[in-house]
Amino acid sequence: MAWGYRIKRLTKREKERCRSLEWGCAGCGGGVEYISNYSYNSANGHAAHARRPMCTEHARQFAMRHTLAWPARSHKVRIRLEKAA
């Protein structure tokens, strides 16, 4: 079971960070414009979290599949690109 689906348009700084890490879209390997985030139950029964970089087309498909509003430029959603140490 999964919950908490979110999608965020990356800022210019975040896009540059993704390029420096050589991240591509999780679906096609294209340029990263958005990042998705959701939580799910792991095999051990604990909550786990997933973040995936996406191109515009795959982000739109993700948003439609999970009935999410398309993110506006000023939309404030906090999704970290990397895990906190």
PDB file of N, CA and C in Angstrom:
ATOM      1  N   MET A   1       0.844  -1.179   0.000  1.00  0.00           N
ATOM      2  CA  MET A   1       0.000   0.000   0.000  1.00  0.00           C
ATOM      3  C   MET A   1       0.888   1.240   0.000  1.00  0.00           C
ATOM      4  N   ALA A   2       0.524   2.217  -0.792  1.00  0.00           N
ATOM      5  CA  ALA A   2       1.298   3.453  -0.887  1.00  0.00           C
ATOM      6  C   ALA A   2       0.399   4.645  -0.566  1.00  0.00           C
ATOM      7  N   TRP A   3       1.013   5.736  -0.136  1.00  0.00           N
ATOM      8  CA  TRP A   3       0.263   6.935   0.215  1.00  0.00           C
ATOM      9  C   TRP A   3       1.174   8.151   0.104  1.00  0.00           C
ATOM     10  N   GLY A   4       0.591   9.322   0.196  1.00  0.00           N
ATOM     11  CA  GLY A   4       1.347  10.571   0.230  1.00  0.00           C
ATOM     12  C   GLY A   4       2.024  10.923  -1.084  1.00  0.00           C
ATOM     13  N   TYR A   5       1.364  10.695  -2.208  1.00  0.00           N
ATOM     14  CA  TYR A   5       1.950  11.010  -3.506  1.00  0.00           C
ATOM     15  C   TYR A   5       2.096  12.519  -3.667  1.00  0.00           C
ATOM     16  N   ARG A   6       3.288  12.954  -4.089  1.00  0.00           N
ATOM     17  CA  ARG A   6       3.530  14.377  -4.338  1.00  0.00           C
ATOM     18  C   ARG A   6       4.438  14.507  -5.553  1.00  0.00           C
ATOM     19  N   ILE A   7       4.351  15.640  -6.192  1.00  0.00           N
ATOM     20  CA  ILE A   7       5.247  15.932  -7.307  1.00  0.00           C
ATOM     21  C   ILE A   7       5.658  17.390  -7.200  1.00  0.00           C
ATOM     22  N   LYS A   8       6.918  17.670  -7.504  1.00  0.00           N
ATOM     23  CA  LYS A   8       7.455  19.017  -7.343  1.00  0.00           C
ATOM     24  C   LYS A   8       8.279  19.384  -8.566  1.00  0.00           C
ATOM     25  N   ARG A   9       8.089  20.591  -9.042  1.00  0.00           N
ATOM     26  CA  ARG A   9       8.924  21.126 -10.121  1.00  0.00           C
ATOM     27  C   ARG A   9      10.235  21.581  -9.498  1.00  0.00           C
ATOM     28  N   LEU A  10      11.339  21.169 -10.076  1.00  0.00           N
ATOM     29  CA  LEU A  10      12.642  21.504  -9.520  1.00  0.00           C
ATOM     30  C   LEU A  10      13.032  22.947  -9.822  1.00  0.00           C
ATOM     31  N   THR A  11      13.745  23.547  -8.892  1.00  0.00           N
ATOM     32  CA  THR A  11      14.275  24.887  -9.117  1.00  0.00           C
ATOM     33  C   THR A  11      15.511  24.774 -10.003  1.00  0.00           C
ATOM     34  N   LYS A  12      15.987  25.897 -10.476  1.00  0.00           N
ATOM     35  CA  LYS A  12      17.178  25.904 -11.326  1.00  0.00           C
ATOM     36  C   LYS A  12      18.373  25.283 -10.600  1.00  0.00           C
ATOM     37  N   ARG A  13      18.520  25.615  -9.348  1.00  0.00           N
ATOM     38  CA  ARG A  13      19.622  25.084  -8.535  1.00  0.00           C
ATOM     39  C   ARG A  13      19.512  23.558  -8.375  1.00  0.00           C
ATOM     40  N   GLU A  14      18.290  23.080  -8.137  1.00  0.00           N
ATOM     41  CA  GLU A  14      18.074  21.643  -7.984  1.00  0.00           C
ATOM     42  C   GLU A  14      18.329  20.891  -9.289  1.00  0.00           C
ATOM     43  N   LYS A  15      17.953  21.509 -10.430  1.00  0.00           N
ATOM     44  CA  LYS A  15      18.217  20.897 -11.730  1.00  0.00           C
ATOM     45  C   LYS A  15      19.721  20.762 -11.956  1.00  0.00           C
ATOM     46  N   GLU A  16      20.455  21.814 -11.608  1.00  0.00           N
ATOM     47  CA  GLU A  16      21.912  21.777 -11.760  1.00  0.00           C
ATOM     48  C   GLU A  16      22.518  20.693 -10.876  1.00  0.00           C
ATOM     49  N   ARG A  17      21.979  20.538  -9.692  1.00  0.00           N
ATOM     50  CA  ARG A  17      22.452  19.485  -8.781  1.00  0.00           C
ATOM     51  C   ARG A  17      22.210  18.097  -9.386  1.00  0.00           C
ATOM     52  N   CYS A  18      21.040  17.897  -9.970  1.00  0.00           N
ATOM     53  CA  CYS A  18      20.725  16.617 -10.610  1.00  0.00           C
ATOM     54  C   CYS A  18      21.670  16.345 -11.780  1.00  0.00           C
ATOM     55  N   ARG A  19      21.976  17.394 -12.563  1.00  0.00           N
ATOM     56  CA  ARG A  19      22.907  17.226 -13.681  1.00  0.00           C
ATOM     57  C   ARG A  19      24.294  16.862 -13.182  1.00  0.00           C
ATOM     58  N   SER A  20      24.729  17.500 -12.095  1.00  0.00           N
ATOM     59  CA  SER A  20      26.066  17.212 -11.563  1.00  0.00           C
ATOM     60  C   SER A  20      26.156  15.786 -11.015  1.00  0.00           C
ATOM     61  N   LEU A  21      25.029  15.248 -10.536  1.00  0.00           N
ATOM     62  CA  LEU A  21      24.998  13.864 -10.047  1.00  0.00           C
ATOM     63  C   LEU A  21      24.729  12.873 -11.183  1.00  0.00           C
ATOM     64  N   GLU A  22      24.529  13.414 -12.406  1.00  0.00           N
ATOM     65  CA  GLU A  22      24.227  12.615 -13.599  1.00  0.00           C
ATOM     66  C   GLU A  22      22.948  11.799 -13.435  1.00  0.00           C
ATOM     67  N   TRP A  23      21.928  12.439 -12.806  1.00  0.00           N
ATOM     68  CA  TRP A  23      20.624  11.806 -12.674  1.00  0.00           C
ATOM     69  C   TRP A  23      19.821  12.081 -13.932  1.00  0.00           C
ATOM     70  N   GLY A  24      19.098  11.081 -14.390  1.00  0.00           N
ATOM     71  CA  GLY A  24      18.186  11.238 -15.502  1.00  0.00           C
ATOM     72  C   GLY A  24      16.793  10.835 -15.058  1.00  0.00           C
ATOM     73  N   CYS A  25      15.852  10.965 -15.960  1.00  0.00           N
ATOM     74  CA  CYS A  25      14.481  10.559 -15.670  1.00  0.00           C
ATOM     75  C   CYS A  25      14.457   9.070 -15.339  1.00  0.00           C
ATOM     76  N   ALA A  26      13.696   8.705 -14.333  1.00  0.00           N
ATOM     77  CA  ALA A  26      13.598   7.298 -13.925  1.00  0.00           C
ATOM     78  C   ALA A  26      12.933   6.446 -15.007  1.00  0.00           C
ATOM     79  N   GLY A  27      12.136   7.066 -15.889  1.00  0.00           N
ATOM     80  CA  GLY A  27      11.430   6.314 -16.919  1.00  0.00           C
ATOM     81  C   GLY A  27      12.173   6.210 -18.242  1.00  0.00           C
ATOM     82  N   CYS A  28      12.834   7.310 -18.649  1.00  0.00           N
ATOM     83  CA  CYS A  28      13.445   7.318 -19.978  1.00  0.00           C
ATOM     84  C   CYS A  28      14.898   7.757 -19.990  1.00  0.00           C
ATOM     85  N   GLY A  29      15.406   8.264 -18.877  1.00  0.00           N
ATOM     86  CA  GLY A  29      16.790   8.723 -18.818  1.00  0.00           C
ATOM     87  C   GLY A  29      16.984  10.139 -19.330  1.00  0.00           C
ATOM     88  N   GLY A  30      15.888  10.828 -19.688  1.00  0.00           N
ATOM     89  CA  GLY A  30      15.954  12.199 -20.201  1.00  0.00           C
ATOM     90  C   GLY A  30      16.281  13.201 -19.103  1.00  0.00           C
ATOM     91  N   GLY A  31      16.221  14.473 -19.471  1.00  0.00           N
ATOM     92  CA  GLY A  31      16.506  15.547 -18.526  1.00  0.00           C
ATOM     93  C   GLY A  31      15.492  15.617 -17.401  1.00  0.00           C
ATOM     94  N   VAL A  32      15.953  15.951 -16.222  1.00  0.00           N
ATOM     95  CA  VAL A  32      15.108  15.993 -15.027  1.00  0.00           C
ATOM     96  C   VAL A  32      14.488  17.377 -14.864  1.00  0.00           C
ATOM     97  N   GLU A  33      13.172  17.431 -14.748  1.00  0.00           N
ATOM     98  CA  GLU A  33      12.427  18.673 -14.521  1.00  0.00           C
ATOM     99  C   GLU A  33      11.622  18.621 -13.224  1.00  0.00           C
ATOM    100  N   TYR A  34      11.249  17.417 -12.793  1.00  0.00           N
ATOM    101  CA  TYR A  34      10.384  17.223 -11.629  1.00  0.00           C
ATOM    102  C   TYR A  34      10.939  16.096 -10.770  1.00  0.00           C
ATOM    103  N   ILE A  35      10.437  16.023  -9.543  1.00  0.00           N
ATOM    104  CA  ILE A  35      10.770  14.903  -8.671  1.00  0.00           C
ATOM    105  C   ILE A  35       9.480  14.448  -7.994  1.00  0.00           C
ATOM    106  N   SER A  36       9.299  13.137  -7.940  1.00  0.00           N
ATOM    107  CA  SER A  36       8.112  12.587  -7.285  1.00  0.00           C
ATOM    108  C   SER A  36       8.515  12.024  -5.931  1.00  0.00           C
ATOM    109  N   ASN A  37       7.545  11.921  -5.058  1.00  0.00           N
ATOM    110  CA  ASN A  37       7.793  11.420  -3.715  1.00  0.00           C
ATOM    111  C   ASN A  37       6.542  10.681  -3.255  1.00  0.00           C
ATOM    112  N   TYR A  38       6.738   9.536  -2.613  1.00  0.00           N
ATOM    113  CA  TYR A  38       5.623   8.819  -2.004  1.00  0.00           C
ATOM    114  C   TYR A  38       6.151   7.870  -0.948  1.00  0.00           C
ATOM    115  N   SER A  39       5.265   7.393  -0.100  1.00  0.00           N
ATOM    116  CA  SER A  39       5.611   6.454   0.964  1.00  0.00           C
ATOM    117  C   SER A  39       4.901   5.137   0.706  1.00  0.00           C
ATOM    118  N   TYR A  40       5.482   4.049   1.190  1.00  0.00           N
ATOM    119  CA  TYR A  40       4.881   2.732   1.011  1.00  0.00           C
ATOM    120  C   TYR A  40       5.316   1.804   2.138  1.00  0.00           C
ATOM    121  N   ASN A  41       4.595   0.706   2.309  1.00  0.00           N
ATOM    122  CA  ASN A  41       4.968  -0.296   3.306  1.00  0.00           C
ATOM    123  C   ASN A  41       6.039  -1.197   2.713  1.00  0.00           C
ATOM    124  N   SER A  42       7.176  -1.317   3.408  1.00  0.00           N
ATOM    125  CA  SER A  42       8.251  -2.179   2.917  1.00  0.00           C
ATOM    126  C   SER A  42       7.920  -3.637   3.223  1.00  0.00           C
ATOM    127  N   ALA A  43       8.747  -4.534   2.751  1.00  0.00           N
ATOM    128  CA  ALA A  43       8.535  -5.963   2.980  1.00  0.00           C
ATOM    129  C   ALA A  43       8.595  -6.299   4.472  1.00  0.00           C
ATOM    130  N   ASN A  44       9.324  -5.492   5.246  1.00  0.00           N
ATOM    131  CA  ASN A  44       9.441  -5.708   6.684  1.00  0.00           C
ATOM    132  C   ASN A  44       8.290  -5.089   7.470  1.00  0.00           C
ATOM    133  N   GLY A  45       7.394  -4.405   6.789  1.00  0.00           N
ATOM    134  CA  GLY A  45       6.247  -3.798   7.451  1.00  0.00           C
ATOM    135  C   GLY A  45       6.476  -2.373   7.908  1.00  0.00           C
ATOM    136  N   HIS A  46       7.659  -1.823   7.660  1.00  0.00           N
ATOM    137  CA  HIS A  46       7.962  -0.447   8.047  1.00  0.00           C
ATOM    138  C   HIS A  46       7.674   0.487   6.877  1.00  0.00           C
ATOM    139  N   ALA A  47       7.437   1.739   7.193  1.00  0.00           N
ATOM    140  CA  ALA A  47       7.206   2.726   6.149  1.00  0.00           C
ATOM    141  C   ALA A  47       8.531   3.041   5.454  1.00  0.00           C
ATOM    142  N   ALA A  48       8.498   3.088   4.149  1.00  0.00           N
ATOM    143  CA  ALA A  48       9.665   3.459   3.351  1.00  0.00           C
ATOM    144  C   ALA A  48       9.240   4.597   2.432  1.00  0.00           C
ATOM    145  N   HIS A  49      10.213   5.339   1.939  1.00  0.00           N
ATOM    146  CA  HIS A  49       9.922   6.511   1.122  1.00  0.00           C
ATOM    147  C   HIS A  49      10.704   6.424  -0.180  1.00  0.00           C
ATOM    148  N   ALA A  50      10.095   6.855  -1.252  1.00  0.00           N
ATOM    149  CA  ALA A  50      10.740   6.820  -2.566  1.00  0.00           C
ATOM    150  C   ALA A  50      10.721   8.210  -3.186  1.00  0.00           C
ATOM    151  N   ARG A  51      11.851   8.597  -3.777  1.00  0.00           N
ATOM    152  CA  ARG A  51      11.962   9.834  -4.534  1.00  0.00           C
ATOM    153  C   ARG A  51      12.484   9.451  -5.913  1.00  0.00           C
ATOM    154  N   ARG A  52      11.855   9.982  -6.953  1.00  0.00           N
ATOM    155  CA  ARG A  52      12.283   9.647  -8.306  1.00  0.00           C
ATOM    156  C   ARG A  52      12.340  10.904  -9.171  1.00  0.00           C
ATOM    157  N   PRO A  53      13.472  11.134  -9.818  1.00  0.00           N
ATOM    158  CA  PRO A  53      13.543  12.250 -10.767  1.00  0.00           C
ATOM    159  C   PRO A  53      12.776  11.893 -12.034  1.00  0.00           C
ATOM    160  N   MET A  54      12.114  12.902 -12.647  1.00  0.00           N
ATOM    161  CA  MET A  54      11.293  12.638 -13.829  1.00  0.00           C
ATOM    162  C   MET A  54      11.387  13.769 -14.834  1.00  0.00           C
ATOM    163  N   CYS A  55      11.226  13.395 -16.112  1.00  0.00           N
ATOM    164  CA  CYS A  55      11.090  14.396 -17.164  1.00  0.00           C
ATOM    165  C   CYS A  55       9.644  14.911 -17.127  1.00  0.00           C
ATOM    166  N   THR A  56       9.361  15.906 -17.942  1.00  0.00           N
ATOM    167  CA  THR A  56       8.026  16.500 -17.937  1.00  0.00           C
ATOM    168  C   THR A  56       6.946  15.491 -18.316  1.00  0.00           C
ATOM    169  N   GLU A  57       7.207  14.683 -19.347  1.00  0.00           N
ATOM    170  CA  GLU A  57       6.184  13.724 -19.794  1.00  0.00           C
ATOM    171  C   GLU A  57       5.882  12.668 -18.737  1.00  0.00           C
ATOM    172  N   HIS A  58       6.900  12.109 -18.113  1.00  0.00           N
ATOM    173  CA  HIS A  58       6.665  11.091 -17.088  1.00  0.00           C
ATOM    174  C   HIS A  58       6.076  11.698 -15.812  1.00  0.00           C
ATOM    175  N   ALA A  59       6.428  12.939 -15.513  1.00  0.00           N
ATOM    176  CA  ALA A  59       5.831  13.621 -14.360  1.00  0.00           C
ATOM    177  C   ALA A  59       4.336  13.834 -14.585  1.00  0.00           C
ATOM    178  N   ARG A  60       3.974  14.197 -15.808  1.00  0.00           N
ATOM    179  CA  ARG A  60       2.551  14.398 -16.127  1.00  0.00           C
ATOM    180  C   ARG A  60       1.784  13.080 -16.004  1.00  0.00           C
ATOM    181  N   GLN A  61       2.379  11.981 -16.468  1.00  0.00           N
ATOM    182  CA  GLN A  61       1.748  10.669 -16.341  1.00  0.00           C
ATOM    183  C   GLN A  61       1.591  10.285 -14.873  1.00  0.00           C
ATOM    184  N   PHE A  62       2.617  10.548 -14.055  1.00  0.00           N
ATOM    185  CA  PHE A  62       2.560  10.265 -12.622  1.00  0.00           C
ATOM    186  C   PHE A  62       1.435  11.068 -11.970  1.00  0.00           C
ATOM    187  N   ALA A  63       1.347  12.357 -12.316  1.00  0.00           N
ATOM    188  CA  ALA A  63       0.309  13.224 -11.745  1.00  0.00           C
ATOM    189  C   ALA A  63      -1.089  12.740 -12.128  1.00  0.00           C
ATOM    190  N   MET A  64      -1.272  12.339 -13.384  1.00  0.00           N
ATOM    191  CA  MET A  64      -2.587  11.862 -13.814  1.00  0.00           C
ATOM    192  C   MET A  64      -2.926  10.524 -13.162  1.00  0.00           C
ATOM    193  N   ARG A  65      -1.944   9.629 -13.052  1.00  0.00           N
ATOM    194  CA  ARG A  65      -2.188   8.308 -12.459  1.00  0.00           C
ATOM    195  C   ARG A  65      -2.627   8.425 -11.006  1.00  0.00           C
ATOM    196  N   HIS A  66      -2.076   9.402 -10.289  1.00  0.00           N
ATOM    197  CA  HIS A  66      -2.371   9.541  -8.862  1.00  0.00           C
ATOM    198  C   HIS A  66      -3.257  10.746  -8.564  1.00  0.00           C
ATOM    199  N   THR A  67      -3.934  11.268  -9.569  1.00  0.00           N
ATOM    200  CA  THR A  67      -4.865  12.399  -9.481  1.00  0.00           C
ATOM    201  C   THR A  67      -4.282  13.571  -8.681  1.00  0.00           C
ATOM    202  N   LEU A  68      -3.114  14.003  -9.096  1.00  0.00           N
ATOM    203  CA  LEU A  68      -2.455  15.143  -8.457  1.00  0.00           C
ATOM    204  C   LEU A  68      -2.635  16.385  -9.313  1.00  0.00           C
ATOM    205  N   ALA A  69      -2.707  17.528  -8.672  1.00  0.00           N
ATOM    206  CA  ALA A  69      -2.747  18.788  -9.398  1.00  0.00           C
ATOM    207  C   ALA A  69      -1.363  19.039  -9.982  1.00  0.00           C
ATOM    208  N   TRP A  70      -1.313  19.586 -11.190  1.00  0.00           N
ATOM    209  CA  TRP A  70      -0.038  19.881 -11.817  1.00  0.00           C
ATOM    210  C   TRP A  70       0.632  21.012 -11.044  1.00  0.00           C
ATOM    211  N   PRO A  71       1.891  20.847 -10.636  1.00  0.00           N
ATOM    212  CA  PRO A  71       2.533  21.843  -9.781  1.00  0.00           C
ATOM    213  C   PRO A  71       2.783  23.169 -10.493  1.00  0.00           C
ATOM    214  N   ALA A  72       2.394  24.254  -9.842  1.00  0.00           N
ATOM    215  CA  ALA A  72       2.662  25.594 -10.353  1.00  0.00           C
ATOM    216  C   ALA A  72       4.075  25.992  -9.941  1.00  0.00           C
ATOM    217  N   ARG A  73       4.609  27.000 -10.562  1.00  0.00           N
ATOM    218  CA  ARG A  73       5.972  27.437 -10.241  1.00  0.00           C
ATOM    219  C   ARG A  73       6.110  27.905  -8.792  1.00  0.00           C
ATOM    220  N   SER A  74       5.075  28.519  -8.264  1.00  0.00           N
ATOM    221  CA  SER A  74       5.151  29.063  -6.908  1.00  0.00           C
ATOM    222  C   SER A  74       4.692  28.068  -5.842  1.00  0.00           C
ATOM    223  N   HIS A  75       4.358  26.846  -6.250  1.00  0.00           N
ATOM    224  CA  HIS A  75       3.865  25.843  -5.308  1.00  0.00           C
ATOM    225  C   HIS A  75       4.971  25.423  -4.356  1.00  0.00           C
ATOM    226  N   LYS A  76       4.737  25.489  -3.065  1.00  0.00           N
ATOM    227  CA  LYS A  76       5.782  25.181  -2.094  1.00  0.00           C
ATOM    228  C   LYS A  76       5.587  23.787  -1.521  1.00  0.00           C
ATOM    229  N   VAL A  77       6.337  22.849  -2.058  1.00  0.00           N
ATOM    230  CA  VAL A  77       6.348  21.482  -1.574  1.00  0.00           C
ATOM    231  C   VAL A  77       7.788  21.146  -1.270  1.00  0.00           C
ATOM    232  N   ARG A  78       8.045  20.626  -0.096  1.00  0.00           N
ATOM    233  CA  ARG A  78       9.418  20.299   0.270  1.00  0.00           C
ATOM    234  C   ARG A  78       9.686  18.818   0.041  1.00  0.00           C
ATOM    235  N   ILE A  79      10.542  18.533  -0.914  1.00  0.00           N
ATOM    236  CA  ILE A  79      11.010  17.176  -1.152  1.00  0.00           C
ATOM    237  C   ILE A  79      12.519  17.274  -1.274  1.00  0.00           C
ATOM    238  N   ARG A  80      13.232  16.619  -0.413  1.00  0.00           N
ATOM    239  CA  ARG A  80      14.691  16.658  -0.462  1.00  0.00           C
ATOM    240  C   ARG A  80      15.202  15.715  -1.533  1.00  0.00           C
ATOM    241  N   LEU A  81      16.230  16.148  -2.257  1.00  0.00           N
ATOM    242  CA  LEU A  81      16.816  15.327  -3.304  1.00  0.00           C
ATOM    243  C   LEU A  81      17.619  14.170  -2.723  1.00  0.00           C
ATOM    244  N   GLU A  82      18.238  14.393  -1.589  1.00  0.00           N
ATOM    245  CA  GLU A  82      19.079  13.375  -0.973  1.00  0.00           C
ATOM    246  C   GLU A  82      18.590  13.099   0.442  1.00  0.00           C
ATOM    247  N   LYS A  83      18.917  11.923   0.938  1.00  0.00           N
ATOM    248  CA  LYS A  83      18.550  11.592   2.305  1.00  0.00           C
ATOM    249  C   LYS A  83      19.375  12.429   3.277  1.00  0.00           C
ATOM    250  N   ALA A  84      18.777  12.797   4.387  1.00  0.00           N
ATOM    251  CA  ALA A  84      19.507  13.530   5.424  1.00  0.00           C
ATOM    252  C   ALA A  84      20.479  12.574   6.103  1.00  0.00           C
ATOM    253  N   ALA A  85      21.675  13.063   6.354  1.00  0.00           N
ATOM    254  CA  ALA A  85      22.696  12.203   6.977  1.00  0.00           C
ATOM    255  C   ALA A  85      22.514  12.113   8.457  1.00  0.00           C
TER     256      ALA A  85
END
